[in-house]
Amino acid sequence: MAGPHRCETCGLLFLEPGSVCPQCSEPEEDDTAVRPTEWTRAWECVDELQALTLQAELARHDIPSWIRSLELPGYQGLIHTRPVWGWLLVDREDLPASQVCIEEFLDTVEGETR
């Protein structure tokens, strides 16, 4: 086993030979860092069936989404302040693609009311 080594620049003592000094070396950029999801309203859904259907359509196109119901808990069917049942939310970077996907899907469904 190799003994401890000193950094030639700052004199820090560390155990791993050949490794970069953690004190005076430049930090490496972390390519694995993930931007936090910023949920944005993509569609106002008239009912739960529409929300689940559109969510399934987005999933088919590999667009993650989340459904936010506006119903009051304990009062099924009672909507708090909006005339819509809920929102379909997507990440802000997926918003343009999701809106195109939803509009194309709704255009193909006969009798769909928006």
Protein backbone atom coordinates (compact mmCIF):
# COMPACT_ATOMS: atom_id res chain seq x y z
CA MET A 1 0.00 0.00 0.00
CA ALA A 2 1.31 3.40 -0.97
CA GLY A 3 1.91 6.02 1.66
CA PRO A 4 0.42 9.50 1.86
CA HIS A 5 1.40 12.12 -0.71
CA ARG A 6 1.59 15.89 -0.60
CA CYS A 7 0.24 18.21 -3.26
CA GLU A 8 3.12 20.06 -4.92
CA THR A 9 1.05 23.25 -5.15
CA CYS A 10 -0.64 23.63 -1.76
CA GLY A 11 1.04 20.97 0.38
CA LEU A 12 -2.20 19.14 1.27
CA LEU A 13 -1.59 15.60 2.48
CA PHE A 14 -3.81 12.96 0.84
CA LEU A 15 -3.70 9.17 0.62
CA GLU A 16 -4.45 8.29 -2.98
CA PRO A 17 -1.36 8.52 -5.19
CA GLY A 18 -1.95 9.93 -8.64
CA SER A 19 -5.24 11.54 -7.68
CA VAL A 20 -6.00 15.22 -8.14
CA CYS A 21 -5.70 17.48 -5.12
CA PRO A 22 -9.21 18.33 -3.91
CA GLN A 23 -8.13 21.69 -2.50
CA CYS A 24 -6.30 23.38 -5.35
CA SER A 25 -7.58 21.61 -8.46
CA GLU A 26 -10.39 22.95 -10.64
CA PRO A 27 -13.68 21.20 -9.94
CA GLU A 28 -14.83 19.02 -12.80
CA GLU A 29 -18.12 19.86 -14.45
CA ASP A 30 -20.80 17.39 -13.51
CA ASP A 31 -22.53 16.26 -16.69
CA THR A 32 -24.94 14.12 -14.67
CA ALA A 33 -26.51 17.12 -12.92
CA VAL A 34 -30.22 17.18 -13.63
CA ARG A 35 -32.23 20.36 -13.86
CA PRO A 36 -35.21 20.27 -11.50
CA THR A 37 -38.55 19.77 -13.18
CA GLU A 38 -40.53 22.97 -13.66
CA TRP A 39 -44.14 21.83 -14.04
CA THR A 40 -46.09 24.01 -16.47
CA ARG A 41 -49.77 23.85 -17.40
CA ALA A 42 -50.06 22.24 -20.84
CA TRP A 43 -53.81 21.71 -20.97
CA GLU A 44 -56.98 22.44 -19.02
CA CYS A 45 -58.97 19.20 -18.87
CA VAL A 46 -62.76 19.16 -18.76
CA ASP A 47 -62.90 15.87 -16.81
CA GLU A 48 -60.79 13.09 -15.37
CA LEU A 49 -61.24 10.88 -18.43
CA GLN A 50 -59.79 13.53 -20.71
CA ALA A 51 -56.87 14.11 -18.32
CA LEU A 52 -56.01 10.40 -18.15
CA THR A 53 -56.40 9.97 -21.91
CA LEU A 54 -54.13 12.91 -22.71
CA GLN A 55 -51.60 11.75 -20.12
CA ALA A 56 -51.49 8.33 -21.78
CA GLU A 57 -51.00 9.98 -25.18
CA LEU A 58 -48.08 12.02 -23.85
CA ALA A 59 -46.56 8.91 -22.27
CA ARG A 60 -46.79 7.21 -25.66
CA HIS A 61 -44.55 10.01 -26.98
CA ASP A 62 -42.16 9.75 -23.99
CA ILE A 63 -43.30 13.05 -22.46
CA PRO A 64 -43.67 12.78 -18.68
CA SER A 65 -46.72 14.52 -17.26
CA TRP A 66 -48.65 15.01 -14.06
CA ILE A 67 -52.36 15.55 -13.48
CA ARG A 68 -53.53 18.20 -11.02
CA SER A 69 -57.20 17.92 -10.09
CA LEU A 70 -59.02 21.06 -9.00
CA GLU A 71 -61.82 19.17 -7.22
CA LEU A 72 -62.26 19.88 -3.55
CA PRO A 73 -61.41 16.85 -1.39
CA GLY A 74 -64.52 15.30 0.10
CA TYR A 75 -66.82 17.02 -2.40
CA GLN A 76 -66.63 14.89 -5.51
CA GLY A 77 -67.57 16.89 -8.58
CA LEU A 78 -67.27 20.27 -6.86
CA ILE A 79 -64.61 22.42 -8.52
CA HIS A 80 -62.94 25.10 -6.42
CA THR A 81 -62.53 28.19 -8.61
CA ARG A 82 -62.23 27.04 -12.21
CA PRO A 83 -64.75 25.74 -14.76
CA VAL A 84 -62.30 22.95 -15.62
CA TRP A 85 -61.77 19.65 -13.84
CA GLY A 86 -58.00 19.94 -13.67
CA TRP A 87 -54.71 20.61 -15.39
CA LEU A 88 -52.30 18.43 -17.29
CA LEU A 89 -48.80 19.55 -16.35
CA VAL A 90 -45.52 18.93 -18.19
CA ASP A 91 -41.94 20.09 -17.80
CA ARG A 92 -41.45 23.56 -19.31
CA GLU A 93 -38.97 22.19 -21.86
CA ASP A 94 -41.58 19.67 -23.06
CA LEU A 95 -44.38 22.25 -23.33
CA PRO A 96 -44.18 22.97 -27.10
CA ALA A 97 -43.96 19.29 -28.03
CA SER A 98 -46.74 18.33 -25.63
CA GLN A 99 -49.13 20.97 -26.97
CA VAL A 100 -48.54 19.82 -30.55
CA CYS A 101 -49.06 16.21 -29.47
CA ILE A 102 -52.28 17.01 -27.59
CA GLU A 103 -53.73 19.16 -30.39
CA GLU A 104 -52.97 16.52 -33.03
CA PHE A 105 -54.52 13.84 -30.86
CA LEU A 106 -57.68 15.87 -30.20
CA ASP A 107 -57.98 16.71 -33.92
CA THR A 108 -58.05 13.00 -34.74
CA VAL A 109 -60.71 12.19 -32.17
CA GLU A 110 -64.17 12.78 -33.61
CA GLY A 111 -66.59 14.83 -31.53
CA GLU A 112 -63.94 16.00 -29.04
CA THR A 113 -65.02 19.23 -27.36
CA ARG A 114 -62.41 21.59 -26.07
